[in-house]
């Protein structure tokens, strides 16, 4: 289950990318406007907020494909922190 802080961070980054697309758990983040710069911004915000470090192996298109995929990865790394 996505939490409200996660959704807020995600929407902040996407709105910066000028997307006004409604966001669902399985929405395509690239289609919603997530750029490569936005991905880095999102990564930094999530790492800071949740106190996690995404390993280099997680920095790929699958991890950042949808809100659900990103949340699942975040939960995995939170459990290891």
PDB file of N, CA and C in Angstrom:
ATOM      1  N   UNK A   1       0.836  -1.179   0.000  1.00  0.00           N
ATOM      2  CA  UNK A   1       0.000   0.000   0.000  1.00  0.00           C
ATOM      3  C   UNK A   1       0.883   1.245   0.000  1.00  0.00           C
ATOM      4  N   UNK A   2       0.654   2.130  -0.908  1.00  0.00           N
ATOM      5  CA  UNK A   2       1.411   3.374  -0.992  1.00  0.00           C
ATOM      6  C   UNK A   2       1.003   4.285   0.156  1.00  0.00           C
ATOM      7  N   UNK A   3       1.974   4.987   0.738  1.00  0.00           N
ATOM      8  CA  UNK A   3       1.594   5.923   1.794  1.00  0.00           C
ATOM      9  C   UNK A   3       1.483   7.341   1.240  1.00  0.00           C
ATOM     10  N   UNK A   4       0.853   8.219   2.009  1.00  0.00           N
ATOM     11  CA  UNK A   4       0.562   9.564   1.511  1.00  0.00           C
ATOM     12  C   UNK A   4       1.824  10.389   1.286  1.00  0.00           C
ATOM     13  N   UNK A   5       2.842  10.198   2.109  1.00  0.00           N
ATOM     14  CA  UNK A   5       4.095  10.943   1.928  1.00  0.00           C
ATOM     15  C   UNK A   5       4.773  10.540   0.615  1.00  0.00           C
ATOM     16  N   UNK A   6       4.754   9.248   0.313  1.00  0.00           N
ATOM     17  CA  UNK A   6       5.309   8.744  -0.943  1.00  0.00           C
ATOM     18  C   UNK A   6       4.567   9.374  -2.124  1.00  0.00           C
ATOM     19  N   UNK A   7       3.247   9.354  -2.058  1.00  0.00           N
ATOM     20  CA  UNK A   7       2.443   9.933  -3.136  1.00  0.00           C
ATOM     21  C   UNK A   7       2.721  11.427  -3.286  1.00  0.00           C
ATOM     22  N   UNK A   8       2.853  12.119  -2.171  1.00  0.00           N
ATOM     23  CA  UNK A   8       3.138  13.554  -2.198  1.00  0.00           C
ATOM     24  C   UNK A   8       4.478  13.831  -2.886  1.00  0.00           C
ATOM     25  N   UNK A   9       5.501  13.067  -2.531  1.00  0.00           N
ATOM     26  CA  UNK A   9       6.822  13.240  -3.153  1.00  0.00           C
ATOM     27  C   UNK A   9       6.730  12.961  -4.648  1.00  0.00           C
ATOM     28  N   UNK A  10       6.086  11.879  -5.001  1.00  0.00           N
ATOM     29  CA  UNK A  10       5.957  11.500  -6.406  1.00  0.00           C
ATOM     30  C   UNK A  10       5.220  12.571  -7.200  1.00  0.00           C
ATOM     31  N   UNK A  11       4.123  13.054  -6.666  1.00  0.00           N
ATOM     32  CA  UNK A  11       3.360  14.090  -7.366  1.00  0.00           C
ATOM     33  C   UNK A  11       4.134  15.399  -7.460  1.00  0.00           C
ATOM     34  N   UNK A  12       4.900  15.731  -6.438  1.00  0.00           N
ATOM     35  CA  UNK A  12       5.721  16.943  -6.483  1.00  0.00           C
ATOM     36  C   UNK A  12       6.717  16.869  -7.634  1.00  0.00           C
ATOM     37  N   UNK A  13       7.389  15.742  -7.766  1.00  0.00           N
ATOM     38  CA  UNK A  13       8.371  15.574  -8.844  1.00  0.00           C
ATOM     39  C   UNK A  13       7.678  15.566 -10.199  1.00  0.00           C
ATOM     40  N   UNK A  14       6.562  14.886 -10.309  1.00  0.00           N
ATOM     41  CA  UNK A  14       5.859  14.832 -11.594  1.00  0.00           C
ATOM     42  C   UNK A  14       5.262  16.175 -11.974  1.00  0.00           C
ATOM     43  N   UNK A  15       4.768  16.923 -11.026  1.00  0.00           N
ATOM     44  CA  UNK A  15       4.213  18.243 -11.336  1.00  0.00           C
ATOM     45  C   UNK A  15       5.314  19.180 -11.806  1.00  0.00           C
ATOM     46  N   UNK A  16       6.502  19.003 -11.265  1.00  0.00           N
ATOM     47  CA  UNK A  16       7.660  19.760 -11.736  1.00  0.00           C
ATOM     48  C   UNK A  16       7.918  19.434 -13.201  1.00  0.00           C
ATOM     49  N   UNK A  17       7.571  18.203 -13.594  1.00  0.00           N
ATOM     50  CA  UNK A  17       7.739  17.775 -14.979  1.00  0.00           C
ATOM     51  C   UNK A  17       6.540  18.161 -15.836  1.00  0.00           C
ATOM     52  N   UNK A  18       5.634  18.955 -15.278  1.00  0.00           N
ATOM     53  CA  UNK A  18       4.476  19.505 -15.992  1.00  0.00           C
ATOM     54  C   UNK A  18       3.429  18.461 -16.359  1.00  0.00           C
ATOM     55  N   UNK A  19       3.367  17.358 -15.635  1.00  0.00           N
ATOM     56  CA  UNK A  19       2.340  16.356 -15.887  1.00  0.00           C
ATOM     57  C   UNK A  19       1.105  16.662 -15.051  1.00  0.00           C
ATOM     58  N   UNK A  20      -0.059  16.534 -15.646  1.00  0.00           N
ATOM     59  CA  UNK A  20      -1.309  16.688 -14.908  1.00  0.00           C
ATOM     60  C   UNK A  20      -2.119  15.396 -14.986  1.00  0.00           C
ATOM     61  N   UNK A  21      -1.472  14.305 -15.336  1.00  0.00           N
ATOM     62  CA  UNK A  21      -2.122  13.013 -15.462  1.00  0.00           C
ATOM     63  C   UNK A  21      -2.464  12.452 -14.085  1.00  0.00           C
ATOM     64  N   UNK A  22      -3.702  11.982 -13.871  1.00  0.00           N
ATOM     65  CA  UNK A  22      -4.011  11.325 -12.596  1.00  0.00           C
ATOM     66  C   UNK A  22      -3.091  10.119 -12.404  1.00  0.00           C
ATOM     67  N   UNK A  23      -2.643   9.927 -11.192  1.00  0.00           N
ATOM     68  CA  UNK A  23      -1.663   8.882 -10.923  1.00  0.00           C
ATOM     69  C   UNK A  23      -2.309   7.712 -10.196  1.00  0.00           C
ATOM     70  N   UNK A  24      -2.170   6.535 -10.763  1.00  0.00           N
ATOM     71  CA  UNK A  24      -2.656   5.290 -10.180  1.00  0.00           C
ATOM     72  C   UNK A  24      -1.440   4.423  -9.848  1.00  0.00           C
ATOM     73  N   UNK A  25      -1.593   3.396  -9.007  1.00  0.00           N
ATOM     74  CA  UNK A  25      -0.447   2.554  -8.653  1.00  0.00           C
ATOM     75  C   UNK A  25       0.279   1.934  -9.848  1.00  0.00           C
ATOM     76  N   UNK A  26      -0.452   1.654 -10.922  1.00  0.00           N
ATOM     77  CA  UNK A  26       0.182   1.043 -12.089  1.00  0.00           C
ATOM     78  C   UNK A  26       0.360   2.006 -13.260  1.00  0.00           C
ATOM     79  N   UNK A  27       0.279   3.298 -12.991  1.00  0.00           N
ATOM     80  CA  UNK A  27       0.518   4.299 -14.041  1.00  0.00           C
ATOM     81  C   UNK A  27       1.964   4.227 -14.519  1.00  0.00           C
ATOM     82  N   UNK A  28       2.158   4.431 -15.792  1.00  0.00           N
ATOM     83  CA  UNK A  28       3.498   4.490 -16.373  1.00  0.00           C
ATOM     84  C   UNK A  28       4.111   5.840 -16.001  1.00  0.00           C
ATOM     85  N   UNK A  29       5.163   5.812 -15.198  1.00  0.00           N
ATOM     86  CA  UNK A  29       5.756   7.067 -14.734  1.00  0.00           C
ATOM     87  C   UNK A  29       6.408   7.857 -15.858  1.00  0.00           C
ATOM     88  N   UNK A  30       6.958   7.190 -16.845  1.00  0.00           N
ATOM     89  CA  UNK A  30       7.544   7.914 -17.985  1.00  0.00           C
ATOM     90  C   UNK A  30       6.441   8.644 -18.747  1.00  0.00           C
ATOM     91  N   UNK A  31       5.334   7.953 -18.988  1.00  0.00           N
ATOM     92  CA  UNK A  31       4.212   8.577 -19.695  1.00  0.00           C
ATOM     93  C   UNK A  31       3.618   9.726 -18.878  1.00  0.00           C
ATOM     94  N   UNK A  32       3.750   9.647 -17.548  1.00  0.00           N
ATOM     95  CA  UNK A  32       3.242  10.709 -16.674  1.00  0.00           C
ATOM     96  C   UNK A  32       4.205  11.886 -16.584  1.00  0.00           C
ATOM     97  N   UNK A  33       5.361  11.772 -17.247  1.00  0.00           N
ATOM     98  CA  UNK A  33       6.283  12.902 -17.303  1.00  0.00           C
ATOM     99  C   UNK A  33       7.571  12.751 -16.527  1.00  0.00           C
ATOM    100  N   UNK A  34       7.849  11.566 -15.975  1.00  0.00           N
ATOM    101  CA  UNK A  34       9.088  11.384 -15.223  1.00  0.00           C
ATOM    102  C   UNK A  34      10.274  11.321 -16.182  1.00  0.00           C
ATOM    103  N   UNK A  35      11.122  12.319 -16.100  1.00  0.00           N
ATOM    104  CA  UNK A  35      12.322  12.397 -16.940  1.00  0.00           C
ATOM    105  C   UNK A  35      13.503  11.780 -16.202  1.00  0.00           C
ATOM    106  N   UNK A  36      14.647  11.721 -16.857  1.00  0.00           N
ATOM    107  CA  UNK A  36      15.843  11.198 -16.194  1.00  0.00           C
ATOM    108  C   UNK A  36      16.257  12.109 -15.039  1.00  0.00           C
ATOM    109  N   UNK A  37      16.147  13.414 -15.222  1.00  0.00           N
ATOM    110  CA  UNK A  37      16.454  14.355 -14.140  1.00  0.00           C
ATOM    111  C   UNK A  37      15.423  14.199 -13.020  1.00  0.00           C
ATOM    112  N   UNK A  38      14.171  14.032 -13.386  1.00  0.00           N
ATOM    113  CA  UNK A  38      13.120  13.807 -12.398  1.00  0.00           C
ATOM    114  C   UNK A  38      13.344  12.529 -11.608  1.00  0.00           C
ATOM    115  N   UNK A  39      13.861  11.506 -12.268  1.00  0.00           N
ATOM    116  CA  UNK A  39      14.165  10.242 -11.597  1.00  0.00           C
ATOM    117  C   UNK A  39      15.219  10.449 -10.521  1.00  0.00           C
ATOM    118  N   UNK A  40      16.246  11.216 -10.835  1.00  0.00           N
ATOM    119  CA  UNK A  40      17.299  11.503  -9.854  1.00  0.00           C
ATOM    120  C   UNK A  40      16.729  12.308  -8.689  1.00  0.00           C
ATOM    121  N   UNK A  41      15.915  13.304  -8.997  1.00  0.00           N
ATOM    122  CA  UNK A  41      15.271  14.113  -7.961  1.00  0.00           C
ATOM    123  C   UNK A  41      14.406  13.228  -7.064  1.00  0.00           C
ATOM    124  N   UNK A  42      13.618  12.376  -7.672  1.00  0.00           N
ATOM    125  CA  UNK A  42      12.746  11.469  -6.936  1.00  0.00           C
ATOM    126  C   UNK A  42      13.561  10.534  -6.050  1.00  0.00           C
ATOM    127  N   UNK A  43      14.602   9.972  -6.590  1.00  0.00           N
ATOM    128  CA  UNK A  43      15.477   9.074  -5.840  1.00  0.00           C
ATOM    129  C   UNK A  43      16.045   9.771  -4.603  1.00  0.00           C
ATOM    130  N   UNK A  44      16.567  10.968  -4.775  1.00  0.00           N
ATOM    131  CA  UNK A  44      17.156  11.706  -3.660  1.00  0.00           C
ATOM    132  C   UNK A  44      16.105  12.034  -2.597  1.00  0.00           C
ATOM    133  N   UNK A  45      14.933  12.442  -3.021  1.00  0.00           N
ATOM    134  CA  UNK A  45      13.863  12.767  -2.066  1.00  0.00           C
ATOM    135  C   UNK A  45      13.435  11.531  -1.272  1.00  0.00           C
ATOM    136  N   UNK A  46      13.292  10.405  -1.966  1.00  0.00           N
ATOM    137  CA  UNK A  46      12.874   9.177  -1.285  1.00  0.00           C
ATOM    138  C   UNK A  46      13.944   8.682  -0.320  1.00  0.00           C
ATOM    139  N   UNK A  47      15.197   8.724  -0.748  1.00  0.00           N
ATOM    140  CA  UNK A  47      16.276   8.278   0.131  1.00  0.00           C
ATOM    141  C   UNK A  47      16.341   9.148   1.387  1.00  0.00           C
ATOM    142  N   UNK A  48      16.189  10.444   1.213  1.00  0.00           N
ATOM    143  CA  UNK A  48      16.237  11.351   2.362  1.00  0.00           C
ATOM    144  C   UNK A  48      15.037  11.138   3.285  1.00  0.00           C
ATOM    145  N   UNK A  49      13.855  11.079   2.724  1.00  0.00           N
ATOM    146  CA  UNK A  49      12.635  10.970   3.538  1.00  0.00           C
ATOM    147  C   UNK A  49      12.548   9.650   4.288  1.00  0.00           C
ATOM    148  N   UNK A  50      12.918   8.556   3.616  1.00  0.00           N
ATOM    149  CA  UNK A  50      12.742   7.235   4.209  1.00  0.00           C
ATOM    150  C   UNK A  50      14.022   6.655   4.807  1.00  0.00           C
ATOM    151  N   UNK A  51      15.131   7.372   4.704  1.00  0.00           N
ATOM    152  CA  UNK A  51      16.377   6.911   5.302  1.00  0.00           C
ATOM    153  C   UNK A  51      16.912   5.629   4.698  1.00  0.00           C
ATOM    154  N   UNK A  52      16.751   5.506   3.391  1.00  0.00           N
ATOM    155  CA  UNK A  52      17.231   4.311   2.692  1.00  0.00           C
ATOM    156  C   UNK A  52      18.253   4.703   1.640  1.00  0.00           C
ATOM    157  N   UNK A  53      18.947   3.718   1.148  1.00  0.00           N
ATOM    158  CA  UNK A  53      19.881   3.904   0.041  1.00  0.00           C
ATOM    159  C   UNK A  53      19.543   2.852  -1.002  1.00  0.00           C
ATOM    160  N   UNK A  54      19.127   3.308  -2.178  1.00  0.00           N
ATOM    161  CA  UNK A  54      18.872   2.373  -3.267  1.00  0.00           C
ATOM    162  C   UNK A  54      20.220   1.903  -3.813  1.00  0.00           C
ATOM    163  N   UNK A  55      20.435   0.606  -3.922  1.00  0.00           N
ATOM    164  CA  UNK A  55      21.691   0.134  -4.510  1.00  0.00           C
ATOM    165  C   UNK A  55      21.714   0.432  -6.010  1.00  0.00           C
ATOM    166  N   UNK A  56      22.905   0.495  -6.561  1.00  0.00           N
ATOM    167  CA  UNK A  56      23.039   0.765  -7.994  1.00  0.00           C
ATOM    168  C   UNK A  56      22.230  -0.218  -8.837  1.00  0.00           C
ATOM    169  N   UNK A  57      22.127  -1.456  -8.379  1.00  0.00           N
ATOM    170  CA  UNK A  57      21.395  -2.469  -9.147  1.00  0.00           C
ATOM    171  C   UNK A  57      19.901  -2.153  -9.253  1.00  0.00           C
ATOM    172  N   UNK A  58      19.392  -1.291  -8.370  1.00  0.00           N
ATOM    173  CA  UNK A  58      17.969  -0.928  -8.403  1.00  0.00           C
ATOM    174  C   UNK A  58      17.698   0.299  -9.258  1.00  0.00           C
ATOM    175  N   UNK A  59      18.737   0.926  -9.747  1.00  0.00           N
ATOM    176  CA  UNK A  59      18.566   2.149 -10.533  1.00  0.00           C
ATOM    177  C   UNK A  59      18.356   1.777 -11.992  1.00  0.00           C
ATOM    178  N   UNK A  60      17.143   1.335 -12.280  1.00  0.00           N
ATOM    179  CA  UNK A  60      16.812   0.879 -13.630  1.00  0.00           C
ATOM    180  C   UNK A  60      15.357   1.199 -13.948  1.00  0.00           C
ATOM    181  N   UNK A  61      15.002   0.976 -15.170  1.00  0.00           N
ATOM    182  CA  UNK A  61      13.657   1.286 -15.636  1.00  0.00           C
ATOM    183  C   UNK A  61      12.561   0.503 -14.943  1.00  0.00           C
ATOM    184  N   UNK A  62      12.840  -0.725 -14.548  1.00  0.00           N
ATOM    185  CA  UNK A  62      11.820  -1.533 -13.863  1.00  0.00           C
ATOM    186  C   UNK A  62      11.456  -0.929 -12.506  1.00  0.00           C
ATOM    187  N   UNK A  63      12.466  -0.482 -11.765  1.00  0.00           N
ATOM    188  CA  UNK A  63      12.217   0.089 -10.441  1.00  0.00           C
ATOM    189  C   UNK A  63      11.359   1.339 -10.536  1.00  0.00           C
ATOM    190  N   UNK A  64      11.615   2.159 -11.551  1.00  0.00           N
ATOM    191  CA  UNK A  64      10.929   3.442 -11.696  1.00  0.00           C
ATOM    192  C   UNK A  64       9.821   3.401 -12.749  1.00  0.00           C
ATOM    193  N   UNK A  65       9.322   2.206 -13.069  1.00  0.00           N
ATOM    194  CA  UNK A  65       8.303   2.062 -14.112  1.00  0.00           C
ATOM    195  C   UNK A  65       6.930   2.559 -13.666  1.00  0.00           C
ATOM    196  N   UNK A  66       6.537   2.210 -12.457  1.00  0.00           N
ATOM    197  CA  UNK A  66       5.217   2.567 -11.933  1.00  0.00           C
ATOM    198  C   UNK A  66       5.347   2.950 -10.458  1.00  0.00           C
ATOM    199  N   UNK A  67       4.371   3.660  -9.923  1.00  0.00           N
ATOM    200  CA  UNK A  67       4.407   3.932  -8.484  1.00  0.00           C
ATOM    201  C   UNK A  67       4.468   2.647  -7.651  1.00  0.00           C
ATOM    202  N   UNK A  68       3.734   1.627  -8.059  1.00  0.00           N
ATOM    203  CA  UNK A  68       3.732   0.365  -7.317  1.00  0.00           C
ATOM    204  C   UNK A  68       5.113  -0.289  -7.329  1.00  0.00           C
ATOM    205  N   UNK A  69       5.764  -0.322  -8.477  1.00  0.00           N
ATOM    206  CA  UNK A  69       7.101  -0.924  -8.565  1.00  0.00           C
ATOM    207  C   UNK A  69       8.096  -0.156  -7.701  1.00  0.00           C
ATOM    208  N   UNK A  70       8.006   1.154  -7.727  1.00  0.00           N
ATOM    209  CA  UNK A  70       8.908   1.983  -6.934  1.00  0.00           C
ATOM    210  C   UNK A  70       8.635   1.796  -5.445  1.00  0.00           C
ATOM    211  N   UNK A  71       7.367   1.758  -5.060  1.00  0.00           N
ATOM    212  CA  UNK A  71       7.016   1.544  -3.655  1.00  0.00           C
ATOM    213  C   UNK A  71       7.510   0.179  -3.177  1.00  0.00           C
ATOM    214  N   UNK A  72       7.334  -0.858  -4.003  1.00  0.00           N
ATOM    215  CA  UNK A  72       7.803  -2.197  -3.633  1.00  0.00           C
ATOM    216  C   UNK A  72       9.310  -2.200  -3.409  1.00  0.00           C
ATOM    217  N   UNK A  73      10.049  -1.527  -4.276  1.00  0.00           N
ATOM    218  CA  UNK A  73      11.505  -1.435  -4.110  1.00  0.00           C
ATOM    219  C   UNK A  73      11.839  -0.675  -2.832  1.00  0.00           C
ATOM    220  N   UNK A  74      11.159   0.431  -2.605  1.00  0.00           N
ATOM    221  CA  UNK A  74      11.392   1.227  -1.401  1.00  0.00           C
ATOM    222  C   UNK A  74      11.142   0.394  -0.148  1.00  0.00           C
ATOM    223  N   UNK A  75      10.063  -0.351  -0.121  1.00  0.00           N
ATOM    224  CA  UNK A  75       9.751  -1.206   1.023  1.00  0.00           C
ATOM    225  C   UNK A  75      10.832  -2.268   1.233  1.00  0.00           C
ATOM    226  N   UNK A  76      11.353  -2.815   0.151  1.00  0.00           N
ATOM    227  CA  UNK A  76      12.425  -3.805   0.250  1.00  0.00           C
ATOM    228  C   UNK A  76      13.652  -3.204   0.914  1.00  0.00           C
ATOM    229  N   UNK A  77      14.047  -2.015   0.490  1.00  0.00           N
ATOM    230  CA  UNK A  77      15.258  -1.396   1.035  1.00  0.00           C
ATOM    231  C   UNK A  77      15.018  -0.810   2.423  1.00  0.00           C
ATOM    232  N   UNK A  78      13.794  -0.438   2.735  1.00  0.00           N
ATOM    233  CA  UNK A  78      13.479   0.008   4.105  1.00  0.00           C
ATOM    234  C   UNK A  78      13.617  -1.151   5.078  1.00  0.00           C
ATOM    235  N   UNK A  79      13.194  -2.328   4.655  1.00  0.00           N
ATOM    236  CA  UNK A  79      13.285  -3.508   5.518  1.00  0.00           C
ATOM    237  C   UNK A  79      14.738  -3.872   5.811  1.00  0.00           C
ATOM    238  N   UNK A  80      15.633  -3.552   4.877  1.00  0.00           N
ATOM    239  CA  UNK A  80      17.054  -3.871   5.045  1.00  0.00           C
ATOM    240  C   UNK A  80      17.811  -2.784   5.800  1.00  0.00           C
ATOM    241  N   UNK A  81      17.192  -1.606   5.950  1.00  0.00           N
ATOM    242  CA  UNK A  81      17.888  -0.473   6.591  1.00  0.00           C
ATOM    243  C   UNK A  81      17.973  -0.630   8.098  1.00  0.00           C
TER     244      UNK A  81
END
